Amino acid sequence: MADIYSKVKRSQIMSGIRGRGNLNTELKLAKLLRKNRIIGWRRHLKIFGNPDFVFREHRLAIFVDGCFWHGCLKHASQPVTNSIFWKEKLVRNKQRDRLVTRTLKARGWQVLRIWQHELLRKNESRCVSRIRRVLNRISNEI
């Protein structure tokens, strides 16, 4: 179906739409943390890179990365329409992720990135174990 707007007008309309983040995956992880009694985290603390979860005491920043938006090797797909735009967009997302991780580490933070697919029911225990392992390692270093 042909678009009723010109490319310029469509671009203007789309630029006004603001994302709401990865709310479903964030809520899934929050629920998982509560269920497993992992405490001490806050959501959306204002530190560089805007991590989804922050354990301030442990200086641990957790990002929940969507498989499509962050280029998961197992599940990412490449859109067929407007492919050049999407390829550039997804490459920029990956570059930003690397910059955020490097910057936070340079500032003394530990960074944990969790893929969206790791929050599926069959992977939950592995995800929780991973978070606990990192928290325990950091606690032992303090």
Foldseek 3Di string as FASTA:
>chain_A
DDDPDDPVVVVVVVVPDDDPPPVVLLVLVVVLCVVVVPDQKDAQDDDPPRAGIANPVLLEGEHEDECQQQPPVVDHDQDPPPRVVSVVNNVVSNVVVVVRCVVSVVVPHHYHYHYSVCSPPVNSVVVVVVVVVSSVVSVVVD
